[in-house]
Amino acid sequence: MDLKNQRRMASELLKCGYNRVWVDPTRMEDVADAVTRGDIRMLIGTGAIIAAQKKGVSRGRARALQIQKKKGRHRGRGSIGGTAFARFPKKQRWIQTIRPIRRVLREFKNNKVIDKHIYRLFYRRAKGGMYKSKAHLRMQLKLHGVAVPEEAVSPNKRTYDRNQKQQKIKPKKKEERKEAT
């Protein structure tokens, strides 16, 4: 049965490609009898002709690989593309080093820990790459004779003593609860 003309009209009405037009095999005769666009429209309404779903590339394999990479797999020497500085640029490393150092210097200057002359001297040295980290900067300031306040430990960074066991809070006994009230 030749349905070339009907498929062409259906593709125009459905706004899809010719090959995406699907004709119900049980209703081939009805489709063959359809001559006008109105007939085709009616068949589309009844579901005898539909636009098949677009074919796409499945992301299933990509997702599975992503999960494995999150676990740390597939990251061996053979999977490394690009040089070390392409993967982690020198500029990015420099930014990660210099910003905290400058932040500490600014904080010390604002809190009158150092005067503007020492600030300028250490700022220039930091720009020259003299200090590796905030700790290194603090050490150099101490050697320079500046009384540097200790860095406050944020509540997220608690020190953990391995030798000290964590004490469990035991629930009070009935008698102790009665005495407390």
N, C-alpha and C. Protein backbone atom coordinates (compact mmCIF):
# COMPACT_ATOMS: atom_id res chain seq x y z
N MET A 1 0.85 -1.19 0.00
CA MET A 1 0.00 0.00 0.00
C MET A 1 0.89 1.24 0.00
N ASP A 2 0.64 2.13 -0.95
CA ASP A 2 1.47 3.33 -1.07
C ASP A 2 0.84 4.48 -0.28
N LEU A 3 1.52 4.90 0.80
CA LEU A 3 1.01 5.98 1.65
C LEU A 3 1.93 7.19 1.61
N LYS A 4 2.66 7.32 0.48
CA LYS A 4 3.66 8.38 0.37
C LYS A 4 3.03 9.77 0.56
N ASN A 5 1.94 10.02 -0.13
CA ASN A 5 1.28 11.32 -0.10
C ASN A 5 0.70 11.61 1.28
N GLN A 6 0.10 10.58 1.91
CA GLN A 6 -0.50 10.75 3.23
C GLN A 6 0.58 11.05 4.29
N ARG A 7 1.71 10.34 4.17
CA ARG A 7 2.82 10.56 5.11
C ARG A 7 3.39 11.98 4.95
N ARG A 8 3.46 12.44 3.68
CA ARG A 8 3.97 13.79 3.42
C ARG A 8 3.08 14.84 4.06
N MET A 9 1.77 14.70 3.86
CA MET A 9 0.82 15.65 4.44
C MET A 9 0.86 15.59 5.96
N ALA A 10 0.95 14.39 6.51
CA ALA A 10 1.00 14.21 7.98
C ALA A 10 2.25 14.86 8.56
N SER A 11 3.38 14.72 7.84
CA SER A 11 4.63 15.31 8.35
C SER A 11 4.52 16.84 8.39
N GLU A 12 3.83 17.41 7.40
CA GLU A 12 3.63 18.86 7.39
C GLU A 12 2.70 19.30 8.52
N LEU A 13 1.63 18.53 8.74
CA LEU A 13 0.67 18.87 9.79
C LEU A 13 1.25 18.67 11.19
N LEU A 14 2.03 17.60 11.35
CA LEU A 14 2.63 17.29 12.67
C LEU A 14 3.89 18.11 12.92
N LYS A 15 4.35 18.80 11.87
CA LYS A 15 5.60 19.59 11.95
C LYS A 15 6.78 18.71 12.39
N CYS A 16 6.92 17.61 11.68
CA CYS A 16 8.05 16.69 11.97
C CYS A 16 8.56 16.14 10.64
N GLY A 17 9.63 15.39 10.69
CA GLY A 17 10.20 14.79 9.49
C GLY A 17 9.33 13.66 8.95
N TYR A 18 9.51 13.37 7.66
CA TYR A 18 8.74 12.33 6.97
C TYR A 18 8.91 10.98 7.65
N ASN A 19 10.12 10.67 8.06
CA ASN A 19 10.41 9.35 8.66
C ASN A 19 9.88 9.20 10.08
N ARG A 20 9.50 10.32 10.72
CA ARG A 20 8.96 10.23 12.08
C ARG A 20 7.45 9.99 12.10
N VAL A 21 6.83 10.04 10.94
CA VAL A 21 5.38 9.79 10.86
C VAL A 21 5.14 8.30 11.03
N TRP A 22 4.34 7.94 12.05
CA TRP A 22 4.02 6.54 12.32
C TRP A 22 2.55 6.30 12.01
N VAL A 23 2.30 5.28 11.22
CA VAL A 23 0.94 4.93 10.84
C VAL A 23 0.58 3.62 11.52
N ASP A 24 -0.60 3.59 12.14
CA ASP A 24 -1.08 2.40 12.85
C ASP A 24 -1.29 1.27 11.83
N PRO A 25 -0.59 0.13 11.98
CA PRO A 25 -0.71 -0.94 10.98
C PRO A 25 -2.13 -1.52 10.87
N THR A 26 -2.91 -1.43 11.93
CA THR A 26 -4.27 -1.98 11.90
C THR A 26 -5.24 -1.06 11.15
N ARG A 27 -4.84 0.21 10.93
CA ARG A 27 -5.74 1.17 10.28
C ARG A 27 -5.15 1.71 8.96
N MET A 28 -4.38 0.86 8.29
CA MET A 28 -3.73 1.24 7.03
C MET A 28 -4.77 1.61 5.96
N GLU A 29 -5.88 0.89 5.91
CA GLU A 29 -6.90 1.14 4.87
C GLU A 29 -7.54 2.52 5.06
N ASP A 30 -7.79 2.89 6.34
CA ASP A 30 -8.38 4.21 6.61
C ASP A 30 -7.43 5.31 6.14
N VAL A 31 -6.14 5.11 6.39
CA VAL A 31 -5.13 6.10 6.00
C VAL A 31 -5.03 6.17 4.48
N ALA A 32 -5.12 5.02 3.82
CA ALA A 32 -5.04 4.99 2.35
C ALA A 32 -6.23 5.72 1.73
N ASP A 33 -7.40 5.67 2.38
CA ASP A 33 -8.61 6.33 1.87
C ASP A 33 -8.54 7.85 2.07
N ALA A 34 -7.71 8.31 3.01
CA ALA A 34 -7.60 9.75 3.30
C ALA A 34 -6.92 10.44 2.13
N VAL A 35 -7.59 11.47 1.59
CA VAL A 35 -7.05 12.16 0.43
C VAL A 35 -6.72 13.61 0.77
N THR A 36 -7.55 14.23 1.59
CA THR A 36 -7.35 15.65 1.89
C THR A 36 -6.63 15.83 3.23
N ARG A 37 -6.17 17.06 3.45
CA ARG A 37 -5.52 17.40 4.72
C ARG A 37 -6.50 17.25 5.88
N GLY A 38 -7.76 17.55 5.61
CA GLY A 38 -8.80 17.42 6.65
C GLY A 38 -8.92 15.97 7.10
N ASP A 39 -8.85 15.03 6.15
CA ASP A 39 -8.91 13.59 6.48
C ASP A 39 -7.70 13.20 7.35
N ILE A 40 -6.54 13.70 6.94
CA ILE A 40 -5.30 13.39 7.69
C ILE A 40 -5.39 13.97 9.10
N ARG A 41 -5.92 15.21 9.21
CA ARG A 41 -6.08 15.84 10.52
C ARG A 41 -6.97 15.00 11.42
N MET A 42 -8.05 14.45 10.84
CA MET A 42 -8.98 13.61 11.60
C MET A 42 -8.28 12.33 12.07
N LEU A 43 -7.46 11.74 11.23
CA LEU A 43 -6.73 10.51 11.58
C LEU A 43 -5.69 10.79 12.68
N ILE A 44 -5.10 11.99 12.62
CA ILE A 44 -4.14 12.39 13.67
C ILE A 44 -4.89 12.52 14.99
N GLY A 45 -6.09 13.09 14.93
CA GLY A 45 -6.91 13.25 16.14
C GLY A 45 -7.31 11.92 16.75
N THR A 46 -7.58 10.93 15.93
CA THR A 46 -7.99 9.60 16.45
C THR A 46 -6.80 8.75 16.86
N GLY A 47 -5.59 9.14 16.45
CA GLY A 47 -4.38 8.41 16.85
C GLY A 47 -3.94 7.37 15.85
N ALA A 48 -4.52 7.40 14.64
CA ALA A 48 -4.11 6.46 13.59
C ALA A 48 -2.75 6.87 13.04
N ILE A 49 -2.48 8.19 13.07
CA ILE A 49 -1.19 8.72 12.63
C ILE A 49 -0.63 9.55 13.79
N ILE A 50 0.61 9.25 14.16
CA ILE A 50 1.27 10.03 15.21
C ILE A 50 2.72 10.30 14.83
N ALA A 51 3.30 11.30 15.50
CA ALA A 51 4.72 11.59 15.28
C ALA A 51 5.52 10.76 16.28
N ALA A 52 6.40 9.92 15.77
CA ALA A 52 7.23 9.09 16.65
C ALA A 52 8.21 9.97 17.42
N GLN A 53 8.61 9.49 18.58
CA GLN A 53 9.52 10.27 19.42
C GLN A 53 10.88 10.40 18.75
N LYS A 54 11.52 11.55 18.95
CA LYS A 54 12.85 11.76 18.38
C LYS A 54 13.84 10.81 19.01
N LYS A 55 14.77 10.33 18.19
CA LYS A 55 15.83 9.46 18.72
C LYS A 55 16.94 10.35 19.25
N GLY A 56 17.47 9.97 20.38
CA GLY A 56 18.55 10.76 20.97
C GLY A 56 19.66 9.86 21.47
N VAL A 57 20.73 10.46 21.91
CA VAL A 57 21.85 9.70 22.46
C VAL A 57 21.60 9.52 23.94
N SER A 58 21.64 8.29 24.40
CA SER A 58 21.37 7.99 25.81
C SER A 58 22.51 8.48 26.69
N ARG A 59 22.15 9.06 27.86
CA ARG A 59 23.17 9.52 28.79
C ARG A 59 23.42 8.50 29.89
N GLY A 60 22.83 7.33 29.77
CA GLY A 60 22.95 6.29 30.80
C GLY A 60 24.39 5.92 31.08
N ARG A 61 25.16 5.66 30.02
CA ARG A 61 26.57 5.27 30.18
C ARG A 61 27.38 6.43 30.78
N ALA A 62 27.07 7.65 30.32
CA ALA A 62 27.78 8.83 30.83
C ALA A 62 27.53 9.01 32.32
N ARG A 63 26.28 8.79 32.76
CA ARG A 63 25.93 8.92 34.18
C ARG A 63 26.65 7.87 35.02
N ALA A 64 26.70 6.66 34.50
CA ALA A 64 27.38 5.57 35.22
C ALA A 64 28.86 5.90 35.39
N LEU A 65 29.48 6.43 34.34
CA LEU A 65 30.90 6.81 34.40
C LEU A 65 31.12 7.94 35.39
N GLN A 66 30.17 8.88 35.42
CA GLN A 66 30.26 10.02 36.34
C GLN A 66 30.23 9.54 37.79
N ILE A 67 29.37 8.58 38.08
CA ILE A 67 29.28 8.01 39.44
C ILE A 67 30.60 7.35 39.81
N GLN A 68 31.19 6.60 38.86
CA GLN A 68 32.47 5.94 39.12
C GLN A 68 33.57 6.97 39.37
N LYS A 69 33.56 8.05 38.60
CA LYS A 69 34.59 9.09 38.77
C LYS A 69 34.46 9.79 40.10
N LYS A 70 33.21 9.95 40.58
CA LYS A 70 32.99 10.54 41.90
C LYS A 70 33.63 9.69 42.98
N LYS A 71 33.62 8.38 42.77
CA LYS A 71 34.23 7.44 43.73
C LYS A 71 35.75 7.44 43.62
N GLY A 72 36.27 8.07 42.55
CA GLY A 72 37.72 8.15 42.39
C GLY A 72 38.27 7.18 41.37
N ARG A 73 37.40 6.46 40.67
CA ARG A 73 37.85 5.52 39.64
C ARG A 73 38.12 6.28 38.34
N HIS A 74 38.76 5.62 37.40
CA HIS A 74 39.04 6.16 36.06
C HIS A 74 39.86 7.45 36.12
N ARG A 75 40.74 7.57 37.09
CA ARG A 75 41.54 8.79 37.20
C ARG A 75 43.04 8.47 37.23
N GLY A 76 43.38 7.33 36.67
CA GLY A 76 44.79 6.91 36.65
C GLY A 76 45.60 7.71 35.65
N ARG A 77 46.88 7.33 35.50
CA ARG A 77 47.79 8.06 34.60
C ARG A 77 47.27 8.08 33.17
N GLY A 78 46.63 7.01 32.74
CA GLY A 78 46.15 6.93 31.37
C GLY A 78 44.98 7.86 31.08
N SER A 79 44.27 8.26 32.12
CA SER A 79 43.09 9.13 31.93
C SER A 79 43.44 10.60 32.03
N ILE A 80 44.67 10.91 32.42
CA ILE A 80 45.05 12.31 32.62
C ILE A 80 45.33 12.94 31.26
N GLY A 81 44.57 13.97 30.97
CA GLY A 81 44.76 14.71 29.72
C GLY A 81 45.29 16.09 30.05
N GLY A 82 46.35 16.50 29.42
CA GLY A 82 46.91 17.83 29.68
C GLY A 82 48.00 17.78 30.74
N THR A 83 48.84 18.79 30.72
CA THR A 83 49.96 18.86 31.67
C THR A 83 49.43 19.27 33.03
N ALA A 84 50.30 19.21 34.02
CA ALA A 84 49.91 19.56 35.40
C ALA A 84 49.40 20.99 35.46
N PHE A 85 50.05 21.89 34.73
CA PHE A 85 49.67 23.30 34.78
C PHE A 85 48.45 23.59 33.91
N ALA A 86 48.12 22.67 33.02
CA ALA A 86 46.87 22.83 32.25
C ALA A 86 45.70 22.43 33.13
N ARG A 87 45.92 21.41 33.97
CA ARG A 87 44.85 20.92 34.85
C ARG A 87 44.64 21.84 36.05
N PHE A 88 45.72 22.39 36.57
CA PHE A 88 45.63 23.34 37.69
C PHE A 88 46.59 24.48 37.38
N PRO A 89 46.12 25.53 36.71
CA PRO A 89 47.00 26.58 36.20
C PRO A 89 47.80 27.28 37.29
N LYS A 90 48.96 27.79 36.91
CA LYS A 90 49.84 28.50 37.84
C LYS A 90 49.14 29.72 38.42
N LYS A 91 48.37 30.40 37.57
CA LYS A 91 47.68 31.60 38.03
C LYS A 91 46.67 31.27 39.12
N GLN A 92 45.95 30.17 38.94
CA GLN A 92 44.96 29.75 39.94
C GLN A 92 45.64 29.43 41.27
N ARG A 93 46.78 28.74 41.17
CA ARG A 93 47.56 28.41 42.38
C ARG A 93 48.02 29.68 43.08
N TRP A 94 48.47 30.65 42.28
CA TRP A 94 48.95 31.93 42.83
C TRP A 94 47.81 32.66 43.53
N ILE A 95 46.64 32.69 42.91
CA ILE A 95 45.47 33.36 43.49
C ILE A 95 45.12 32.73 44.83
N GLN A 96 45.14 31.39 44.89
CA GLN A 96 44.81 30.67 46.12
C GLN A 96 45.83 30.93 47.23
N THR A 97 47.05 31.28 46.84
CA THR A 97 48.09 31.56 47.83
C THR A 97 48.03 33.01 48.29
N ILE A 98 47.96 33.94 47.33
CA ILE A 98 48.12 35.36 47.64
C ILE A 98 46.91 35.98 48.33
N ARG A 99 45.70 35.55 47.99
CA ARG A 99 44.51 36.18 48.58
C ARG A 99 44.44 36.03 50.10
N PRO A 100 44.64 34.83 50.65
CA PRO A 100 44.61 34.73 52.11
C PRO A 100 45.72 35.53 52.79
N ILE A 101 46.91 35.56 52.17
CA ILE A 101 48.04 36.32 52.73
C ILE A 101 47.69 37.81 52.79
N ARG A 102 47.14 38.32 51.68
CA ARG A 102 46.76 39.74 51.64
C ARG A 102 45.63 40.04 52.62
N ARG A 103 44.72 39.07 52.79
CA ARG A 103 43.60 39.24 53.72
C ARG A 103 44.13 39.38 55.15
N VAL A 104 45.11 38.54 55.52
CA VAL A 104 45.71 38.59 56.86
C VAL A 104 46.43 39.91 57.07
N LEU A 105 47.20 40.33 56.07
CA LEU A 105 47.92 41.61 56.18
C LEU A 105 46.95 42.78 56.37
N ARG A 106 45.87 42.78 55.59
CA ARG A 106 44.85 43.84 55.69
C ARG A 106 44.22 43.84 57.07
N GLU A 107 43.92 42.66 57.58
CA GLU A 107 43.30 42.51 58.91
C GLU A 107 44.23 43.07 59.99
N PHE A 108 45.52 42.72 59.90
CA PHE A 108 46.49 43.20 60.88
C PHE A 108 46.63 44.71 60.83
N LYS A 109 46.61 45.28 59.63
CA LYS A 109 46.74 46.73 59.48
C LYS A 109 45.51 47.42 60.07
N ASN A 110 44.33 46.89 59.77
CA ASN A 110 43.08 47.50 60.28
C ASN A 110 42.96 47.38 61.80
N ASN A 111 43.48 46.29 62.36
CA ASN A 111 43.42 46.08 63.82
C ASN A 111 44.63 46.67 64.55
N LYS A 112 45.43 47.46 63.84
CA LYS A 112 46.60 48.15 64.39
C LYS A 112 47.65 47.19 64.98
N VAL A 113 47.72 45.98 64.43
CA VAL A 113 48.76 45.03 64.85
C VAL A 113 50.08 45.45 64.20
N ILE A 114 49.98 45.90 62.93
CA ILE A 114 51.17 46.42 62.24
C ILE A 114 50.85 47.82 61.71
N ASP A 115 51.89 48.64 61.58
CA ASP A 115 51.67 49.98 61.03
C ASP A 115 51.75 49.93 59.50
N LYS A 116 51.46 51.05 58.85
CA LYS A 116 51.36 51.04 57.39
C LYS A 116 52.70 50.78 56.70
N HIS A 117 53.82 51.12 57.38
CA HIS A 117 55.14 50.90 56.78
C HIS A 117 55.46 49.41 56.73
N ILE A 118 55.21 48.73 57.85
CA ILE A 118 55.46 47.27 57.88
C ILE A 118 54.49 46.58 56.93
N TYR A 119 53.24 47.07 56.90
CA TYR A 119 52.23 46.50 56.00
C TYR A 119 52.72 46.56 54.56
N ARG A 120 53.23 47.75 54.16
CA ARG A 120 53.68 47.95 52.79
C ARG A 120 54.87 47.05 52.47
N LEU A 121 55.80 46.94 53.45
CA LEU A 121 56.99 46.11 53.26
C LEU A 121 56.60 44.65 53.03
N PHE A 122 55.72 44.14 53.91
CA PHE A 122 55.31 42.74 53.82
C PHE A 122 54.40 42.50 52.61
N TYR A 123 53.63 43.51 52.22
CA TYR A 123 52.76 43.40 51.05
C TYR A 123 53.62 43.21 49.80
N ARG A 124 54.67 44.02 49.70
CA ARG A 124 55.58 43.92 48.54
C ARG A 124 56.27 42.57 48.50
N ARG A 125 56.70 42.11 49.68
CA ARG A 125 57.37 40.80 49.74
C ARG A 125 56.40 39.68 49.34
N ALA A 126 55.15 39.80 49.79
CA ALA A 126 54.13 38.80 49.44
C ALA A 126 53.91 38.79 47.94
N LYS A 127 53.90 39.99 47.34
CA LYS A 127 53.71 40.11 45.89
C LYS A 127 54.88 39.46 45.16
N GLY A 128 56.05 39.53 45.75
CA GLY A 128 57.23 38.91 45.15
C GLY A 128 57.28 37.41 45.34
N GLY A 129 56.31 36.85 46.07
CA GLY A 129 56.25 35.40 46.25
C GLY A 129 57.12 34.89 47.37
N MET A 130 57.38 35.74 48.37
CA MET A 130 58.28 35.34 49.45
C MET A 130 57.62 34.40 50.45
N TYR A 131 56.29 34.50 50.59
CA TYR A 131 55.60 33.70 51.61
C TYR A 131 54.75 32.62 50.96
N LYS A 132 54.89 31.39 51.50
CA LYS A 132 54.17 30.24 50.93
C LYS A 132 52.73 30.20 51.39
N SER A 133 52.49 30.66 52.64
CA SER A 133 51.16 30.53 53.23
C SER A 133 50.98 31.55 54.34
N LYS A 134 49.79 31.55 54.94
CA LYS A 134 49.51 32.45 56.06
C LYS A 134 50.42 32.12 57.24
N ALA A 135 50.62 30.84 57.48
CA ALA A 135 51.48 30.41 58.60
C ALA A 135 52.90 30.91 58.41
N HIS A 136 53.39 30.84 57.18
CA HIS A 136 54.74 31.30 56.86
C HIS A 136 54.84 32.82 57.08
N LEU A 137 53.80 33.54 56.67
CA LEU A 137 53.75 34.99 56.86
C LEU A 137 53.79 35.34 58.35
N ARG A 138 52.97 34.65 59.15
CA ARG A 138 52.94 34.89 60.60
C ARG A 138 54.31 34.66 61.22
N MET A 139 54.97 33.58 60.80
CA MET A 139 56.29 33.25 61.33
C MET A 139 57.29 34.38 61.01
N GLN A 140 57.24 34.89 59.78
CA GLN A 140 58.13 35.97 59.37
C GLN A 140 57.84 37.26 60.13
N LEU A 141 56.56 37.52 60.40
CA LEU A 141 56.19 38.71 61.18
C LEU A 141 56.76 38.60 62.60
N LYS A 142 56.67 37.39 63.18
CA LYS A 142 57.21 37.17 64.53
C LYS A 142 58.72 37.40 64.55
N LEU A 143 59.40 36.89 63.50
CA LEU A 143 60.85 37.08 63.40
C LEU A 143 61.20 38.56 63.24
N HIS A 144 60.30 39.31 62.63
CA HIS A 144 60.49 40.75 62.43
C HIS A 144 60.24 41.53 63.72
N GLY A 145 59.70 40.85 64.73
CA GLY A 145 59.46 41.49 66.03
C GLY A 145 58.05 42.00 66.22
N VAL A 146 57.12 41.49 65.44
CA VAL A 146 55.72 41.90 65.57
C VAL A 146 54.98 40.87 66.40
N ALA A 147 54.26 41.33 67.44
CA ALA A 147 53.48 40.42 68.28
C ALA A 147 52.20 40.06 67.53
N VAL A 148 52.20 38.89 66.91
CA VAL A 148 51.07 38.46 66.07
C VAL A 148 50.07 37.69 66.92
N PRO A 149 48.78 38.07 66.89
CA PRO A 149 47.78 37.30 67.64
C PRO A 149 47.58 35.92 67.00
N GLU A 150 47.31 34.92 67.84
CA GLU A 150 47.10 33.57 67.33
C GLU A 150 45.83 33.53 66.50
N GLU A 151 45.83 32.68 65.48
CA GLU A 151 44.67 32.57 64.60
C GLU A 151 43.53 31.89 65.34
N ALA A 152 42.36 32.50 65.29
CA ALA A 152 41.19 31.93 65.97
C ALA A 152 40.74 30.68 65.22
N VAL A 153 40.47 29.62 65.96
CA VAL A 153 40.02 28.37 65.36
C VAL A 153 38.52 28.47 65.15
N SER A 154 38.09 28.29 63.92
CA SER A 154 36.66 28.36 63.63
C SER A 154 35.97 27.14 64.21
N PRO A 155 34.68 27.22 64.51
CA PRO A 155 33.97 26.08 65.09
C PRO A 155 33.96 24.86 64.18
N ASN A 156 34.16 25.06 62.88
CA ASN A 156 34.19 23.94 61.94
C ASN A 156 35.50 23.16 62.03
N LYS A 157 36.59 23.85 62.45
CA LYS A 157 37.90 23.19 62.51
C LYS A 157 38.27 22.94 63.97
N ARG A 158 37.70 21.91 64.54
CA ARG A 158 38.00 21.57 65.94
C ARG A 158 39.18 20.61 65.97
N THR A 159 40.06 20.83 66.91
CA THR A 159 41.19 19.91 67.05
C THR A 159 40.71 18.66 67.77
N TYR A 160 41.24 17.52 67.38
CA TYR A 160 40.81 16.25 67.95
C TYR A 160 42.02 15.58 68.60
N ASP A 161 41.88 15.27 69.86
CA ASP A 161 42.95 14.61 70.59
C ASP A 161 42.67 13.11 70.56
N ARG A 162 43.59 12.33 69.97
CA ARG A 162 43.39 10.88 69.83
C ARG A 162 43.40 10.16 71.17
N ASN A 163 44.22 10.64 72.10
CA ASN A 163 44.36 9.96 73.39
C ASN A 163 43.13 10.18 74.29
N GLN A 164 42.48 11.30 74.10
CA GLN A 164 41.34 11.63 74.94
C GLN A 164 40.08 10.97 74.39
N LYS A 165 39.45 10.13 75.20
CA LYS A 165 38.23 9.46 74.76
C LYS A 165 37.04 10.39 74.97
N GLN A 166 36.11 10.30 74.07
CA GLN A 166 34.92 11.13 74.18
C GLN A 166 34.03 10.55 75.28
N GLN A 167 33.64 11.41 76.20
CA GLN A 167 32.81 10.95 77.32
C GLN A 167 31.35 11.01 76.92
N LYS A 168 30.66 9.89 77.17
CA LYS A 168 29.23 9.86 76.87
C LYS A 168 28.48 10.46 78.05
N ILE A 169 27.43 11.18 77.72
CA ILE A 169 26.59 11.74 78.78
C ILE A 169 25.57 10.69 79.14
N LYS A 170 25.68 10.21 80.38
CA LYS A 170 24.78 9.14 80.83
C LYS A 170 23.49 9.76 81.35
N PRO A 171 22.36 9.11 81.06
CA PRO A 171 21.10 9.64 81.59
C PRO A 171 21.04 9.48 83.11
N LYS A 172 20.41 10.45 83.74
CA LYS A 172 20.33 10.44 85.20
C LYS A 172 19.37 9.34 85.67
N LYS A 173 19.68 8.80 86.84
CA LYS A 173 18.80 7.79 87.43
C LYS A 173 17.60 8.49 88.05
N LYS A 174 16.56 7.68 88.36
CA LYS A 174 15.31 8.23 88.90
C LYS A 174 15.55 9.04 90.17
N GLU A 175 16.39 8.50 91.07
CA GLU A 175 16.63 9.19 92.36
C GLU A 175 17.30 10.54 92.14
N GLU A 176 18.27 10.59 91.20
CA GLU A 176 18.99 11.84 90.91
C GLU A 176 18.06 12.88 90.32
N ARG A 177 17.10 12.42 89.50
CA ARG A 177 16.14 13.36 88.89
C ARG A 177 15.21 13.94 89.94
N LYS A 178 14.82 13.11 90.90
CA LYS A 178 13.93 13.58 91.98
C LYS A 178 14.65 14.60 92.86
N GLU A 179 15.93 14.36 93.13
CA GLU A 179 16.72 15.29 93.96
C GLU A 179 16.91 16.63 93.25
N ALA A 180 17.04 16.61 91.94
CA ALA A 180 17.26 17.83 91.18
C ALA A 180 16.04 18.75 91.19
N THR A 181 14.83 18.17 91.31
CA THR A 181 13.60 19.00 91.30
C THR A 181 13.24 19.54 92.64
